[in-house]
Amino acid sequence: MRGGARGEAGSILFGTSEQVGVGRGLAEFRAGRPVLIANGEMLITLPVEGLDISRLAAFRALCAPVLPRLVITASRARSLGIDAVEPVALELPPEVDARTILALVADAKAEHDFLPEPAGTAANAAIELVKLAQVLPAVLVADTVPGQAAKFDPPIVTVEASAVARYRADATQSLQIAGEAHVPLASGVRTRFVVFRDAFGDDAVAVIVDTPDLSKPVPVRIHSACLTGDVFGSRRCDCGDQLQLALTRLQEAGGGIILYLAQEGRGVGLANKMRTYKLQDGGLDTVDANTTLGFDDDERDYGVAVRMLQMLGCTRVVLLTNNPAKLDGLAKSGIEITGRMPLETPINADNRRYMTAKASRAGHHLGHLLSSLADAKDDEAKEAPLVP
């Protein structure tokens, strides 16, 4: 009886073994170490992030006598000319080197002649896990032979494929308030920061401006963290300008909430965001840069925002956004959206292309951008020499 109670308390306080496995698997993938994915049988997997000659040789030795395959997302497969709607596995001959594998994963001009096949459930889970880890979305995989996994030394973390699929929901439901305090800002805005933390150790912050009236629709801004724009004032995006404008609007409205979420680069992470910038410098727009790397155009999930609002007692909102996906995400999760407040920020030579892609490819409501483009065309027409 005592042992049963101890086991039940462990599940409640420290998470189930499957949840703990996912947390450890994320840490291993971020560190570039192999993980076992369990789905009836064991699949040994290794993130491609940081792959070099030594790491590839060590993984091949770990998998022997089975040859590793390369698993890529459907988005990356399509960029390589493979018709795919789910992740695919590429058979790799033993002479393929690390440089070729990395090119298959991240080079916009890469070509291939490898045979693709469906990745399978366990490999699909590995792809989802590596995306959650915010490293390059590709993995090397190999089926283990019977008894092989038990011989690995040191033991390799095992992750249940089914638990990976539940990760986001489990993380959202585990949210707790970790700390809060009043924080006066340099702009003169008075705020209260409420820090939320989930069972996997990830933080999100609600910045409460003044004292919003929760009995009425509350002005809310859902803002994804942007180190380059929010902190350093990057001109490549409009994130920092939107954040400052949102603070001003909320103060003018008498109060509101900014949900500051750790979803850098539309959910791909800071390192991958730099990789997409490099691809953009090579000619791709922001949408194609994400999909070329193997990500969806937008990898963000707004379930955590919904849970934060619910915990704050806020169920009716006026959303400060230009992004229709945020409106849909909250509305489908039970948050009543009574209105939308646009955030029209300055357009400059460095962010015009990015903003244009957001409007034309992702459907963002950027009427001021369209007006600016129309004015620019009119100016060009006026300045063009008359043709006799």
Protein backbone atom coordinates (compact mmCIF):
# COMPACT_ATOMS: atom_id res chain seq x y z
CA MET A 1 0.00 0.00 0.00
CA ARG A 2 2.79 2.36 0.96
CA GLY A 3 4.65 1.64 -2.30
CA GLY A 4 1.50 2.31 -4.34
CA ALA A 5 0.97 5.65 -2.64
CA ARG A 6 4.58 6.56 -3.28
CA GLY A 7 4.22 5.72 -6.97
CA GLU A 8 1.01 7.75 -7.29
CA ALA A 9 2.61 10.75 -5.59
CA GLY A 10 5.57 10.47 -7.94
CA SER A 11 3.28 10.63 -10.97
CA ILE A 12 1.45 13.66 -9.63
CA LEU A 13 4.43 15.63 -8.39
CA PHE A 14 7.15 14.73 -10.87
CA GLY A 15 5.25 13.73 -14.02
CA THR A 16 4.69 10.34 -15.60
CA SER A 17 7.61 8.28 -16.87
CA GLU A 18 6.57 9.15 -20.43
CA GLN A 19 6.56 12.90 -19.70
CA VAL A 20 9.95 12.67 -18.01
CA GLY A 21 11.22 10.72 -21.01
CA VAL A 22 10.20 13.50 -23.41
CA GLY A 23 11.88 16.14 -21.24
CA ARG A 24 15.08 14.14 -21.14
CA GLY A 25 14.86 13.44 -24.86
CA LEU A 26 14.66 17.17 -25.60
CA ALA A 27 17.75 17.79 -23.49
CA GLU A 28 19.64 15.01 -25.28
CA PHE A 29 18.71 16.27 -28.74
CA ARG A 30 19.76 19.81 -27.81
CA ALA A 31 23.10 18.39 -26.67
CA GLY A 32 23.49 16.42 -29.92
CA ARG A 33 23.20 12.98 -28.29
CA PRO A 34 21.25 9.95 -29.52
CA VAL A 35 17.77 9.06 -28.27
CA LEU A 36 15.79 5.82 -28.50
CA ILE A 37 12.23 6.25 -29.80
CA ALA A 38 9.91 3.46 -28.65
CA ASN A 39 6.89 2.47 -30.68
CA GLY A 40 6.61 -1.27 -30.08
CA GLU A 41 10.19 -1.55 -31.32
CA MET A 42 13.20 0.67 -30.70
CA LEU A 43 14.52 3.20 -33.21
CA ILE A 44 17.86 4.83 -32.42
CA THR A 45 17.96 8.45 -33.56
CA LEU A 46 20.49 11.29 -33.73
CA PRO A 47 19.86 14.96 -34.58
CA VAL A 48 21.73 16.19 -37.63
CA GLU A 49 22.50 19.48 -35.83
CA GLY A 50 26.28 19.67 -35.32
CA LEU A 51 27.02 16.55 -37.38
CA ASP A 52 30.68 16.10 -38.29
CA ILE A 53 33.02 13.27 -39.33
CA SER A 54 33.58 11.99 -35.80
CA ARG A 55 29.93 12.17 -34.72
CA LEU A 56 28.76 10.40 -37.87
CA ALA A 57 31.35 7.64 -37.45
CA ALA A 58 30.38 7.15 -33.81
CA PHE A 59 26.68 6.90 -34.68
CA ARG A 60 27.34 4.41 -37.47
CA ALA A 61 29.32 2.29 -35.02
CA LEU A 62 26.45 2.53 -32.52
CA CYS A 63 23.94 1.36 -35.13
CA ALA A 64 26.04 -1.43 -36.68
CA PRO A 65 25.32 -3.64 -38.49
CA VAL A 66 22.33 -1.51 -39.58
CA LEU A 67 23.02 1.47 -41.86
CA PRO A 68 21.47 4.78 -40.73
CA ARG A 69 18.86 6.55 -42.85
CA LEU A 70 18.25 10.29 -43.03
CA VAL A 71 14.75 11.43 -42.06
CA ILE A 72 13.61 14.87 -43.22
CA THR A 73 10.34 16.74 -42.94
CA ALA A 74 7.77 16.88 -45.72
CA SER A 75 8.60 20.57 -46.25
CA ARG A 76 12.29 19.81 -46.76
CA ALA A 77 11.45 16.83 -48.98
CA ARG A 78 9.37 19.05 -51.27
CA SER A 79 12.23 21.56 -51.48
CA LEU A 80 14.37 18.66 -52.76
CA GLY A 81 11.76 17.80 -55.38
CA ILE A 82 10.21 14.86 -53.49
CA ASP A 83 6.40 14.72 -53.47
CA ALA A 84 5.64 14.28 -49.76
CA VAL A 85 2.96 15.09 -47.20
CA GLU A 86 4.74 13.40 -44.27
CA PRO A 87 8.39 12.98 -43.26
CA VAL A 88 10.43 10.72 -45.52
CA ALA A 89 13.52 8.59 -44.97
CA LEU A 90 16.41 8.60 -47.44
CA GLU A 91 18.56 5.49 -47.75
CA LEU A 92 22.20 6.51 -47.31
CA PRO A 93 25.04 4.39 -48.70
CA PRO A 94 27.99 3.94 -46.31
CA GLU A 95 30.25 6.30 -48.28
CA VAL A 96 28.02 9.35 -47.74
CA ASP A 97 29.84 11.90 -45.58
CA ALA A 98 28.64 14.43 -43.00
CA ARG A 99 28.96 17.38 -45.39
CA THR A 100 26.61 15.73 -47.91
CA ILE A 101 24.08 14.97 -45.17
CA LEU A 102 24.11 18.55 -43.91
CA ALA A 103 23.62 19.81 -47.47
CA LEU A 104 20.60 17.53 -47.86
CA VAL A 105 19.15 19.12 -44.72
CA ALA A 106 19.90 22.83 -45.09
CA ASP A 107 21.34 23.78 -48.49
CA ALA A 108 18.83 25.59 -50.71
CA LYS A 109 20.62 24.32 -53.84
CA ALA A 110 21.09 20.70 -52.75
CA GLU A 111 20.32 17.86 -55.15
CA HIS A 112 19.97 14.16 -54.39
CA ASP A 113 19.60 10.75 -56.00
CA PHE A 114 18.70 8.82 -52.84
CA LEU A 115 15.65 6.58 -52.63
CA PRO A 116 12.90 8.08 -50.43
CA GLU A 117 10.44 5.99 -48.44
CA PRO A 118 7.83 6.68 -45.74
CA ALA A 119 9.58 7.47 -42.47
CA GLY A 120 7.23 5.54 -40.17
CA THR A 121 5.58 6.41 -36.85
CA ALA A 122 8.69 6.29 -34.65
CA ALA A 123 10.74 8.39 -37.09
CA ASN A 124 7.87 10.89 -37.36
CA ALA A 125 7.98 11.22 -33.57
CA ALA A 126 11.73 11.81 -33.76
CA ILE A 127 11.13 14.64 -36.25
CA GLU A 128 8.54 16.20 -33.95
CA LEU A 129 10.93 15.90 -31.00
CA VAL A 130 13.80 17.53 -32.89
CA LYS A 131 11.54 20.39 -33.95
CA LEU A 132 10.46 20.88 -30.34
CA ALA A 133 14.16 21.01 -29.42
CA GLN A 134 14.51 23.86 -31.97
CA VAL A 135 17.52 22.41 -33.74
CA LEU A 136 17.71 21.48 -37.42
CA PRO A 137 14.58 19.43 -38.22
CA ALA A 138 16.29 16.26 -39.47
CA VAL A 139 17.49 13.06 -37.81
CA LEU A 140 19.58 10.02 -38.58
CA VAL A 141 17.75 6.83 -37.62
CA ALA A 142 18.35 3.09 -37.53
CA ASP A 143 16.31 0.13 -36.35
CA THR A 144 17.91 -1.66 -33.42
CA VAL A 145 18.43 -5.40 -33.48
CA PRO A 146 16.91 -7.44 -30.59
CA GLY A 147 18.77 -6.85 -27.34
CA GLN A 148 21.01 -4.17 -28.84
CA ALA A 149 19.51 -1.26 -26.89
CA ALA A 150 20.17 -2.98 -23.56
CA LYS A 151 23.91 -3.05 -24.37
CA PHE A 152 24.32 0.66 -24.97
CA ASP A 153 26.75 2.15 -22.43
CA PRO A 154 26.02 4.66 -21.07
CA PRO A 155 22.28 3.92 -21.36
CA ILE A 156 20.49 6.03 -23.96
CA VAL A 157 17.33 7.93 -23.01
CA THR A 158 14.13 6.27 -24.26
CA VAL A 159 11.16 8.35 -25.43
CA GLU A 160 7.71 6.94 -26.18
CA ALA A 161 6.47 8.08 -29.60
CA SER A 162 2.94 8.58 -28.25
CA ALA A 163 4.26 10.89 -25.50
CA VAL A 164 5.88 13.20 -28.06
CA ALA A 165 2.48 13.76 -29.67
CA ARG A 166 1.07 14.81 -26.29
CA TYR A 167 3.98 17.06 -25.34
CA ARG A 168 2.42 20.44 -26.12
CA ALA A 169 -0.86 19.60 -24.39
CA ASP A 170 0.95 18.19 -21.34
CA ALA A 171 3.19 21.26 -21.12
CA THR A 172 0.24 23.63 -21.40
CA GLN A 173 -1.82 21.86 -18.75
CA SER A 174 1.13 21.82 -16.34
CA LEU A 175 1.54 25.64 -16.33
CA GLN A 176 1.94 27.24 -12.92
CA ILE A 177 2.71 30.79 -11.82
CA ALA A 178 6.35 30.79 -10.75
CA GLY A 179 6.71 34.41 -9.66
CA GLU A 180 5.41 37.94 -10.14
CA ALA A 181 6.37 41.51 -9.34
CA HIS A 182 5.69 45.12 -10.32
CA VAL A 183 8.11 46.40 -12.97
CA PRO A 184 8.07 50.11 -13.92
CA LEU A 185 9.40 50.63 -17.45
CA ALA A 186 11.67 53.36 -18.78
CA SER A 187 8.83 54.60 -20.99
CA GLY A 188 6.80 55.39 -17.88
CA VAL A 189 4.44 52.45 -18.31
CA ARG A 190 3.70 50.67 -15.05
CA THR A 191 3.49 46.89 -15.39
CA ARG A 192 3.28 43.69 -13.41
CA PHE A 193 5.25 40.72 -14.74
CA VAL A 194 3.71 37.31 -14.08
CA VAL A 195 6.06 34.43 -14.96
CA PHE A 196 4.53 31.07 -15.87
CA ARG A 197 6.52 27.82 -15.91
CA ASP A 198 5.54 24.39 -17.21
CA ALA A 199 6.61 20.94 -16.02
CA PHE A 200 9.42 20.87 -18.60
CA GLY A 201 11.03 24.06 -17.24
CA ASP A 202 9.99 26.43 -20.04
CA ASP A 203 8.89 29.97 -19.12
CA ALA A 204 6.36 32.40 -20.55
CA VAL A 205 5.52 35.86 -19.22
CA ALA A 206 2.34 37.89 -18.93
CA VAL A 207 3.10 41.62 -18.82
CA ILE A 208 0.06 43.25 -17.24
CA VAL A 209 -0.15 46.95 -18.06
CA ASP A 210 -1.89 49.11 -15.42
CA THR A 211 -5.08 47.46 -14.10
CA PRO A 212 -7.21 45.94 -16.87
CA ASP A 213 -10.93 45.45 -16.15
CA LEU A 214 -11.45 41.69 -16.49
CA SER A 215 -15.25 42.11 -16.49
CA LYS A 216 -14.90 43.68 -19.94
CA PRO A 217 -13.03 42.59 -23.09
CA VAL A 218 -9.33 43.08 -22.33
CA PRO A 219 -6.84 44.41 -24.91
CA VAL A 220 -4.29 41.60 -25.37
CA ARG A 221 -1.11 41.33 -27.40
CA ILE A 222 0.37 37.84 -28.00
CA HIS A 223 4.04 38.55 -28.71
CA SER A 224 6.64 35.97 -29.71
CA ALA A 225 10.08 36.68 -28.30
CA CYS A 226 12.42 38.32 -30.81
CA LEU A 227 15.90 38.93 -29.42
CA THR A 228 17.09 40.78 -32.51
CA GLY A 229 14.09 43.10 -32.74
CA ASP A 230 12.90 43.48 -29.15
CA VAL A 231 16.33 43.93 -27.55
CA PHE A 232 18.68 45.15 -30.28
CA GLY A 233 16.27 47.06 -32.52
CA SER A 234 16.83 45.02 -35.69
CA ARG A 235 15.47 46.65 -38.84
CA ARG A 236 14.88 43.27 -40.52
CA CYS A 237 11.52 42.79 -38.79
CA ASP A 238 8.76 44.82 -37.13
CA CYS A 239 8.74 42.90 -33.82
CA GLY A 240 10.38 45.50 -31.59
CA ASP A 241 8.23 48.27 -33.03
CA GLN A 242 5.08 46.19 -32.49
CA LEU A 243 6.03 45.51 -28.87
CA GLN A 244 6.60 49.18 -28.07
CA LEU A 245 3.44 50.22 -29.90
CA ALA A 246 1.44 47.58 -28.02
CA LEU A 247 2.68 48.92 -24.66
CA THR A 248 1.59 52.42 -25.67
CA ARG A 249 -1.81 51.27 -26.90
CA LEU A 250 -2.49 49.27 -23.73
CA GLN A 251 -1.59 52.23 -21.53
CA GLU A 252 -3.89 54.48 -23.59
CA ALA A 253 -6.68 51.92 -23.24
CA GLY A 254 -6.38 52.00 -19.45
CA GLY A 255 -4.82 48.57 -19.15
CA GLY A 256 -4.20 45.29 -20.92
CA ILE A 257 -1.99 42.24 -21.18
CA ILE A 258 1.03 41.28 -23.28
CA LEU A 259 1.75 37.55 -23.40
CA TYR A 260 5.48 37.24 -24.12
CA LEU A 261 6.09 33.73 -25.44
CA ALA A 262 9.39 31.91 -26.02
CA GLN A 263 8.69 31.27 -29.71
CA GLU A 264 11.64 32.97 -31.41
CA GLY A 265 11.56 33.05 -35.20
CA ARG A 266 7.90 31.94 -35.44
CA GLY A 267 8.77 28.95 -33.29
CA VAL A 268 11.98 27.70 -34.95
CA GLY A 269 14.43 29.06 -32.37
CA LEU A 270 17.19 31.64 -32.54
CA ALA A 271 19.85 29.58 -34.35
CA ASN A 272 17.42 28.46 -37.04
CA LYS A 273 16.17 32.03 -37.35
CA MET A 274 19.74 33.06 -38.26
CA ARG A 275 19.80 30.25 -40.83
CA THR A 276 16.58 31.54 -42.39
CA TYR A 277 18.09 35.04 -42.49
CA LYS A 278 21.05 33.67 -44.42
CA LEU A 279 18.70 31.99 -46.89
CA GLN A 280 16.79 35.27 -47.22
CA ASP A 281 20.07 37.04 -47.97
CA GLY A 282 20.45 34.50 -50.78
CA GLY A 283 17.12 35.51 -52.31
CA LEU A 284 14.38 33.53 -50.54
CA ASP A 285 11.50 35.25 -48.77
CA THR A 286 10.67 34.57 -45.13
CA VAL A 287 8.12 31.85 -45.94
CA ASP A 288 10.33 29.91 -48.36
CA ALA A 289 13.33 30.23 -46.04
CA ASN A 290 11.43 28.42 -43.27
CA THR A 291 10.14 25.65 -45.50
CA THR A 292 13.52 25.18 -47.20
CA LEU A 293 15.00 24.38 -43.80
CA GLY A 294 12.23 21.84 -43.24
CA PHE A 295 9.93 23.83 -40.98
CA ASP A 296 6.35 24.88 -41.54
CA ASP A 297 5.91 28.55 -42.34
CA ASP A 298 4.80 29.06 -38.73
CA GLU A 299 5.70 26.56 -36.00
CA ARG A 300 4.03 28.44 -33.15
CA ASP A 301 1.34 27.01 -30.90
CA TYR A 302 -1.07 29.30 -29.09
CA GLY A 303 -2.39 26.77 -26.59
CA VAL A 304 -0.05 28.17 -23.93
CA ALA A 305 -1.44 31.68 -24.54
CA VAL A 306 -5.00 30.43 -24.05
CA ARG A 307 -4.05 28.69 -20.79
CA MET A 308 -2.29 31.81 -19.49
CA LEU A 309 -5.35 33.96 -20.20
CA GLN A 310 -7.61 31.45 -18.48
CA MET A 311 -5.37 31.38 -15.41
CA LEU A 312 -5.45 35.19 -15.31
CA GLY A 313 -9.25 35.14 -15.48
CA CYS A 314 -9.35 36.73 -18.92
CA THR A 315 -11.77 35.07 -21.34
CA ARG A 316 -12.85 37.99 -23.56
CA VAL A 317 -10.24 39.95 -25.47
CA VAL A 318 -9.58 42.61 -28.06
CA LEU A 319 -6.54 41.25 -29.86
CA LEU A 320 -3.70 43.56 -30.92
CA THR A 321 -2.46 41.80 -34.05
CA ASN A 322 -2.13 41.85 -37.82
CA ASN A 323 -1.96 38.04 -37.94
CA PRO A 324 -5.22 36.14 -38.67
CA ALA A 325 -3.69 32.89 -37.37
CA LYS A 326 -3.65 34.33 -33.85
CA LEU A 327 -7.31 35.23 -34.13
CA ASP A 328 -8.18 31.70 -35.27
CA GLY A 329 -5.94 30.03 -32.68
CA LEU A 330 -7.56 31.77 -29.73
CA ALA A 331 -11.12 31.59 -31.04
CA LYS A 332 -10.90 27.83 -31.57
CA SER A 333 -9.66 27.37 -28.00
CA GLY A 334 -12.55 29.06 -26.24
CA ILE A 335 -11.32 32.64 -25.92
CA GLU A 336 -13.99 35.12 -27.06
CA ILE A 337 -12.47 37.71 -29.41
CA THR A 338 -14.64 40.80 -29.48
CA GLY A 339 -12.42 42.87 -31.75
CA ARG A 340 -9.03 43.39 -33.38
CA MET A 341 -6.69 46.34 -33.01
CA PRO A 342 -4.07 46.64 -35.81
CA LEU A 343 -0.43 47.42 -35.08
CA GLU A 344 0.86 49.43 -38.03
CA THR A 345 4.57 50.00 -37.57
CA PRO A 346 7.15 51.87 -39.69
CA ILE A 347 8.31 50.31 -42.96
CA ASN A 348 11.96 50.69 -43.93
CA ALA A 349 14.25 49.51 -46.68
CA ASP A 350 15.44 46.56 -44.58
CA ASN A 351 12.05 45.14 -43.59
CA ARG A 352 9.92 46.01 -46.64
CA ARG A 353 10.55 42.65 -48.34
CA TYR A 354 9.81 40.76 -45.13
CA MET A 355 6.61 42.72 -44.52
CA THR A 356 5.49 42.22 -48.11
CA ALA A 357 5.92 38.45 -47.75
CA LYS A 358 3.89 38.47 -44.54
CA ALA A 359 1.07 40.28 -46.31
CA SER A 360 1.10 38.37 -49.60
CA ARG A 361 2.12 34.89 -48.41
CA ALA A 362 0.82 34.67 -44.82
CA GLY A 363 -2.25 36.87 -45.09
CA HIS A 364 -1.27 39.44 -42.47
CA HIS A 365 -3.47 42.54 -42.39
CA LEU A 366 -1.01 45.23 -43.41
CA GLY A 367 -3.09 47.87 -45.18
CA HIS A 368 -0.50 50.57 -44.53
CA LEU A 369 2.10 48.47 -46.36
CA LEU A 370 -0.12 48.08 -49.41
CA SER A 371 -0.73 51.83 -49.41
CA SER A 372 3.01 52.43 -49.18
CA LEU A 373 3.69 50.09 -52.10
CA ALA A 374 1.00 51.79 -54.18
CA ASP A 375 2.47 55.22 -53.43
CA ALA A 376 5.94 53.97 -54.40
CA LYS A 377 4.62 52.71 -57.74
CA ASP A 378 2.90 56.04 -58.39
CA ASP A 379 6.15 57.88 -57.64
CA GLU A 380 8.06 55.62 -60.01
CA ALA A 381 5.49 56.21 -62.74
CA LYS A 382 5.75 59.99 -62.28
CA GLU A 383 9.54 59.89 -62.44
CA ALA A 384 9.71 57.60 -65.46
CA PRO A 385 10.74 59.39 -68.68
CA LEU A 386 8.07 59.80 -71.33
CA VAL A 387 8.49 57.46 -74.31
CA PRO A 388 8.07 59.35 -77.60
